[in-house]
């Protein structure tokens, strides 16, 4: 960050003008630094969001595969599927009722 030295010439208000220019230049440098930091932050957030989207897409594909496998199993073994569903329902019912007692 560039900063201007304080002026030593105080004739005719030049010191005030030079100080104001120095403050303005410092503020511009600070603004430029902030803009650069924000741009870098945006780029990092976008990169992480893209990476997260890729992970989510892979997770979705895995879940879809498991759902397809479950559908296939139910179609091929309907009686077994009903028995498993009934067993799970009884187990969940017992757990829920057990908590209430």
N, C-alpha and C. Protein backbone atom coordinates (compact mmCIF):
# COMPACT_ATOMS: atom_id res chain seq x y z
N UNK A 1 0.86 -1.16 0.00
CA UNK A 1 0.00 0.00 0.00
C UNK A 1 0.90 1.23 0.00
N UNK A 2 0.75 2.10 -0.96
CA UNK A 2 1.56 3.29 -1.07
C UNK A 2 0.96 4.41 -0.24
N UNK A 3 1.82 5.08 0.48
CA UNK A 3 1.37 6.24 1.26
C UNK A 3 2.27 7.40 0.93
N UNK A 4 1.68 8.58 0.91
CA UNK A 4 2.44 9.79 0.61
C UNK A 4 2.97 10.38 1.90
N UNK A 5 4.15 11.00 1.83
CA UNK A 5 4.72 11.64 3.01
C UNK A 5 3.99 12.95 3.28
N UNK A 6 3.95 13.32 4.53
CA UNK A 6 3.32 14.58 4.90
C UNK A 6 4.14 15.73 4.31
N UNK A 7 3.49 16.74 3.79
CA UNK A 7 4.21 17.85 3.16
C UNK A 7 4.87 18.74 4.21
N UNK A 8 5.93 19.37 3.78
CA UNK A 8 6.61 20.31 4.67
C UNK A 8 6.35 21.75 4.27
N UNK A 9 5.73 21.97 3.11
CA UNK A 9 5.42 23.32 2.63
C UNK A 9 4.03 23.71 3.10
N UNK A 10 3.96 24.64 4.05
CA UNK A 10 2.68 25.04 4.62
C UNK A 10 2.17 26.36 4.07
N UNK A 11 2.77 26.86 3.01
CA UNK A 11 2.36 28.15 2.44
C UNK A 11 1.06 28.00 1.67
N UNK A 12 0.18 28.96 1.84
CA UNK A 12 -1.06 29.09 1.06
C UNK A 12 -1.96 27.84 1.10
N UNK A 13 -1.98 27.14 2.20
CA UNK A 13 -2.88 26.00 2.35
C UNK A 13 -2.48 24.77 1.55
N UNK A 14 -1.26 24.74 1.04
CA UNK A 14 -0.80 23.58 0.26
C UNK A 14 -0.73 22.32 1.13
N UNK A 15 -0.45 22.51 2.40
CA UNK A 15 -0.34 21.37 3.30
C UNK A 15 -1.67 20.65 3.41
N UNK A 16 -2.75 21.42 3.51
CA UNK A 16 -4.07 20.82 3.62
C UNK A 16 -4.44 20.07 2.34
N UNK A 17 -4.15 20.66 1.20
CA UNK A 17 -4.48 20.02 -0.08
C UNK A 17 -3.67 18.74 -0.26
N UNK A 18 -2.39 18.80 0.08
CA UNK A 18 -1.54 17.63 -0.08
C UNK A 18 -1.95 16.53 0.88
N UNK A 19 -2.34 16.89 2.10
CA UNK A 19 -2.80 15.90 3.07
C UNK A 19 -4.10 15.26 2.58
N UNK A 20 -4.99 16.04 2.04
CA UNK A 20 -6.24 15.51 1.51
C UNK A 20 -5.96 14.55 0.36
N UNK A 21 -5.02 14.91 -0.51
CA UNK A 21 -4.65 14.04 -1.61
C UNK A 21 -4.05 12.73 -1.09
N UNK A 22 -3.24 12.85 -0.04
CA UNK A 22 -2.62 11.68 0.56
C UNK A 22 -3.69 10.75 1.15
N UNK A 23 -4.66 11.33 1.84
CA UNK A 23 -5.75 10.53 2.42
C UNK A 23 -6.56 9.88 1.31
N UNK A 24 -6.82 10.63 0.25
CA UNK A 24 -7.59 10.09 -0.87
C UNK A 24 -6.84 8.93 -1.52
N UNK A 25 -5.53 9.06 -1.70
CA UNK A 25 -4.73 7.99 -2.30
C UNK A 25 -4.72 6.76 -1.39
N UNK A 26 -4.60 6.98 -0.09
CA UNK A 26 -4.60 5.86 0.86
C UNK A 26 -5.95 5.15 0.84
N UNK A 27 -7.03 5.91 0.80
CA UNK A 27 -8.37 5.32 0.74
C UNK A 27 -8.55 4.53 -0.55
N UNK A 28 -8.04 5.05 -1.65
CA UNK A 28 -8.14 4.33 -2.93
C UNK A 28 -7.36 3.02 -2.87
N UNK A 29 -6.15 3.07 -2.29
CA UNK A 29 -5.36 1.85 -2.14
C UNK A 29 -6.09 0.82 -1.27
N UNK A 30 -6.69 1.29 -0.20
CA UNK A 30 -7.43 0.39 0.69
C UNK A 30 -8.63 -0.20 -0.04
N UNK A 31 -9.32 0.61 -0.80
CA UNK A 31 -10.46 0.12 -1.58
C UNK A 31 -10.04 -0.91 -2.61
N UNK A 32 -8.92 -0.65 -3.28
CA UNK A 32 -8.42 -1.61 -4.27
C UNK A 32 -8.04 -2.93 -3.61
N UNK A 33 -7.41 -2.85 -2.44
CA UNK A 33 -7.03 -4.06 -1.71
C UNK A 33 -8.27 -4.84 -1.29
N UNK A 34 -9.28 -4.13 -0.82
CA UNK A 34 -10.52 -4.77 -0.40
C UNK A 34 -11.21 -5.43 -1.59
N UNK A 35 -11.24 -4.75 -2.71
CA UNK A 35 -11.87 -5.32 -3.92
C UNK A 35 -11.14 -6.58 -4.35
N UNK A 36 -9.83 -6.55 -4.29
CA UNK A 36 -9.03 -7.72 -4.66
C UNK A 36 -9.32 -8.89 -3.71
N UNK A 37 -9.39 -8.59 -2.42
CA UNK A 37 -9.68 -9.65 -1.44
C UNK A 37 -11.08 -10.22 -1.66
N UNK A 38 -12.04 -9.37 -1.97
CA UNK A 38 -13.40 -9.84 -2.23
C UNK A 38 -13.45 -10.71 -3.49
N UNK A 39 -12.74 -10.31 -4.52
CA UNK A 39 -12.69 -11.11 -5.75
C UNK A 39 -12.09 -12.48 -5.48
N UNK A 40 -11.01 -12.51 -4.69
CA UNK A 40 -10.39 -13.79 -4.33
C UNK A 40 -11.36 -14.66 -3.53
N UNK A 41 -12.07 -14.03 -2.60
CA UNK A 41 -13.05 -14.76 -1.79
C UNK A 41 -14.17 -15.33 -2.64
N UNK A 42 -14.65 -14.54 -3.58
CA UNK A 42 -15.71 -15.02 -4.48
C UNK A 42 -15.23 -16.23 -5.28
N UNK A 43 -14.00 -16.16 -5.77
CA UNK A 43 -13.46 -17.27 -6.56
C UNK A 43 -13.35 -18.54 -5.71
N UNK A 44 -12.92 -18.39 -4.46
CA UNK A 44 -12.81 -19.55 -3.58
C UNK A 44 -14.18 -20.14 -3.27
N UNK A 45 -15.16 -19.28 -3.01
CA UNK A 45 -16.51 -19.76 -2.72
C UNK A 45 -17.08 -20.49 -3.93
N UNK A 46 -16.87 -19.95 -5.12
CA UNK A 46 -17.37 -20.60 -6.34
C UNK A 46 -16.70 -21.96 -6.53
N UNK A 47 -15.40 -22.03 -6.28
CA UNK A 47 -14.69 -23.31 -6.43
C UNK A 47 -15.24 -24.35 -5.45
N UNK A 48 -15.47 -23.93 -4.21
CA UNK A 48 -16.00 -24.86 -3.22
C UNK A 48 -17.44 -25.26 -3.56
N UNK A 49 -18.22 -24.33 -4.06
CA UNK A 49 -19.60 -24.64 -4.44
C UNK A 49 -19.63 -25.63 -5.60
N UNK A 50 -18.74 -25.45 -6.56
CA UNK A 50 -18.67 -26.39 -7.68
C UNK A 50 -18.27 -27.79 -7.20
N UNK A 51 -17.32 -27.83 -6.28
CA UNK A 51 -16.87 -29.11 -5.73
C UNK A 51 -18.02 -29.79 -4.96
N UNK A 52 -18.74 -29.01 -4.18
CA UNK A 52 -19.88 -29.55 -3.43
C UNK A 52 -20.97 -30.05 -4.37
N UNK A 53 -21.20 -29.34 -5.46
CA UNK A 53 -22.20 -29.77 -6.44
C UNK A 53 -21.80 -31.11 -7.06
N UNK A 54 -20.51 -31.29 -7.33
CA UNK A 54 -20.04 -32.57 -7.88
C UNK A 54 -20.24 -33.70 -6.88
N UNK A 55 -19.96 -33.44 -5.61
CA UNK A 55 -20.15 -34.46 -4.58
C UNK A 55 -21.63 -34.81 -4.46
N UNK A 56 -22.49 -33.79 -4.48
CA UNK A 56 -23.93 -34.02 -4.39
C UNK A 56 -24.44 -34.83 -5.58
N UNK A 57 -23.91 -34.54 -6.75
CA UNK A 57 -24.33 -35.29 -7.95
C UNK A 57 -23.92 -36.76 -7.82
N UNK A 58 -22.73 -37.02 -7.32
CA UNK A 58 -22.29 -38.40 -7.10
C UNK A 58 -23.16 -39.11 -6.07
N UNK A 59 -23.51 -38.39 -5.00
CA UNK A 59 -24.37 -38.95 -3.96
C UNK A 59 -25.75 -39.27 -4.53
N UNK A 60 -26.26 -38.38 -5.35
CA UNK A 60 -27.57 -38.60 -5.99
C UNK A 60 -27.53 -39.86 -6.87
N UNK A 61 -26.44 -40.03 -7.61
CA UNK A 61 -26.32 -41.20 -8.47
C UNK A 61 -26.26 -42.49 -7.66
N UNK A 62 -25.56 -42.45 -6.52
CA UNK A 62 -25.49 -43.62 -5.65
C UNK A 62 -26.87 -43.96 -5.09
N UNK A 63 -27.58 -42.94 -4.62
CA UNK A 63 -28.92 -43.17 -4.07
C UNK A 63 -29.86 -43.72 -5.15
N UNK A 64 -29.75 -43.21 -6.34
CA UNK A 64 -30.58 -43.68 -7.44
C UNK A 64 -30.30 -45.15 -7.72
N UNK A 65 -29.03 -45.52 -7.67
CA UNK A 65 -28.64 -46.92 -7.89
C UNK A 65 -29.27 -47.81 -6.82
N UNK A 66 -29.19 -47.38 -5.54
CA UNK A 66 -29.77 -48.17 -4.46
C UNK A 66 -31.29 -48.25 -4.59
N UNK A 67 -31.93 -47.18 -5.01
CA UNK A 67 -33.39 -47.20 -5.20
C UNK A 67 -33.77 -48.17 -6.32
N UNK A 68 -33.00 -48.15 -7.39
CA UNK A 68 -33.26 -49.10 -8.49
C UNK A 68 -33.07 -50.54 -8.03
N UNK A 69 -32.03 -50.79 -7.23
CA UNK A 69 -31.80 -52.13 -6.70
C UNK A 69 -32.95 -52.57 -5.80
N UNK A 70 -33.46 -51.65 -4.98
CA UNK A 70 -34.59 -51.97 -4.10
C UNK A 70 -35.84 -52.29 -4.91
N UNK A 71 -36.10 -51.50 -5.95
CA UNK A 71 -37.27 -51.77 -6.80
C UNK A 71 -37.16 -53.14 -7.46
N UNK A 72 -35.99 -53.47 -7.92
CA UNK A 72 -35.77 -54.77 -8.56
C UNK A 72 -36.00 -55.89 -7.56
N UNK A 73 -35.48 -55.74 -6.35
CA UNK A 73 -35.66 -56.76 -5.31
C UNK A 73 -37.13 -56.96 -4.99
N UNK A 74 -37.88 -55.86 -4.83
CA UNK A 74 -39.30 -55.94 -4.51
C UNK A 74 -40.07 -56.63 -5.64
N UNK A 75 -39.74 -56.34 -6.88
CA UNK A 75 -40.43 -56.97 -8.01
C UNK A 75 -40.13 -58.46 -8.08
N UNK A 76 -38.89 -58.84 -7.76
CA UNK A 76 -38.50 -60.24 -7.85
C UNK A 76 -38.92 -61.05 -6.62
N UNK A 77 -39.09 -60.39 -5.47
CA UNK A 77 -39.40 -61.08 -4.22
C UNK A 77 -40.52 -60.34 -3.47
N UNK A 78 -41.72 -60.33 -4.01
CA UNK A 78 -42.77 -59.54 -3.35
C UNK A 78 -43.14 -60.04 -1.96
N UNK A 79 -43.19 -61.35 -1.74
CA UNK A 79 -43.57 -61.88 -0.43
C UNK A 79 -42.51 -61.54 0.61
N UNK A 80 -41.26 -61.71 0.25
CA UNK A 80 -40.16 -61.39 1.16
C UNK A 80 -40.18 -59.90 1.49
N UNK A 81 -40.45 -59.08 0.49
CA UNK A 81 -40.49 -57.62 0.71
C UNK A 81 -41.59 -57.23 1.68
N UNK A 82 -42.75 -57.86 1.54
CA UNK A 82 -43.87 -57.57 2.47
C UNK A 82 -43.50 -58.02 3.87
N UNK A 83 -42.87 -59.20 4.00
CA UNK A 83 -42.48 -59.70 5.32
C UNK A 83 -41.44 -58.77 5.97
N UNK A 84 -40.48 -58.30 5.19
CA UNK A 84 -39.46 -57.38 5.72
C UNK A 84 -40.12 -56.07 6.16
N UNK A 85 -41.02 -55.55 5.34
CA UNK A 85 -41.71 -54.30 5.67
C UNK A 85 -42.54 -54.46 6.94
N UNK A 86 -43.21 -55.60 7.08
CA UNK A 86 -44.01 -55.84 8.29
C UNK A 86 -43.11 -55.93 9.51
N UNK A 87 -41.99 -56.62 9.38
CA UNK A 87 -41.05 -56.74 10.50
C UNK A 87 -40.50 -55.39 10.92
N UNK A 88 -40.13 -54.59 9.95
CA UNK A 88 -39.62 -53.25 10.25
C UNK A 88 -40.70 -52.40 10.92
N UNK A 89 -41.93 -52.52 10.42
CA UNK A 89 -43.04 -51.78 11.02
C UNK A 89 -43.28 -52.19 12.46
N UNK A 90 -43.26 -53.49 12.74
CA UNK A 90 -43.44 -53.97 14.12
C UNK A 90 -42.31 -53.50 15.03
N UNK A 91 -41.09 -53.57 14.51
CA UNK A 91 -39.94 -53.13 15.30
C UNK A 91 -40.02 -51.64 15.62
N UNK A 92 -40.34 -50.84 14.63
CA UNK A 92 -40.48 -49.39 14.87
C UNK A 92 -41.63 -49.10 15.84
N UNK A 93 -42.74 -49.83 15.68
CA UNK A 93 -43.86 -49.64 16.59
C UNK A 93 -43.48 -49.98 18.02
N UNK A 94 -42.74 -51.07 18.21
CA UNK A 94 -42.30 -51.46 19.55
C UNK A 94 -41.35 -50.43 20.14
N UNK A 95 -40.45 -49.92 19.32
CA UNK A 95 -39.52 -48.89 19.81
C UNK A 95 -40.26 -47.61 20.21
N UNK A 96 -41.19 -47.19 19.39
CA UNK A 96 -41.94 -45.96 19.68
C UNK A 96 -42.79 -46.15 20.92
N UNK A 97 -43.49 -47.28 21.05
CA UNK A 97 -44.31 -47.54 22.23
C UNK A 97 -43.45 -47.71 23.47
N UNK A 98 -42.27 -48.28 23.31
CA UNK A 98 -41.35 -48.46 24.44
C UNK A 98 -40.90 -47.12 25.00
N UNK A 99 -40.77 -46.13 24.19
CA UNK A 99 -40.35 -44.79 24.65
C UNK A 99 -41.46 -44.08 25.40
N UNK A 100 -42.68 -44.39 25.08
CA UNK A 100 -43.80 -43.73 25.71
C UNK A 100 -44.10 -44.28 27.11
N UNK A 101 -43.70 -45.49 27.36
CA UNK A 101 -44.00 -46.14 28.65
C UNK A 101 -43.10 -45.66 29.76
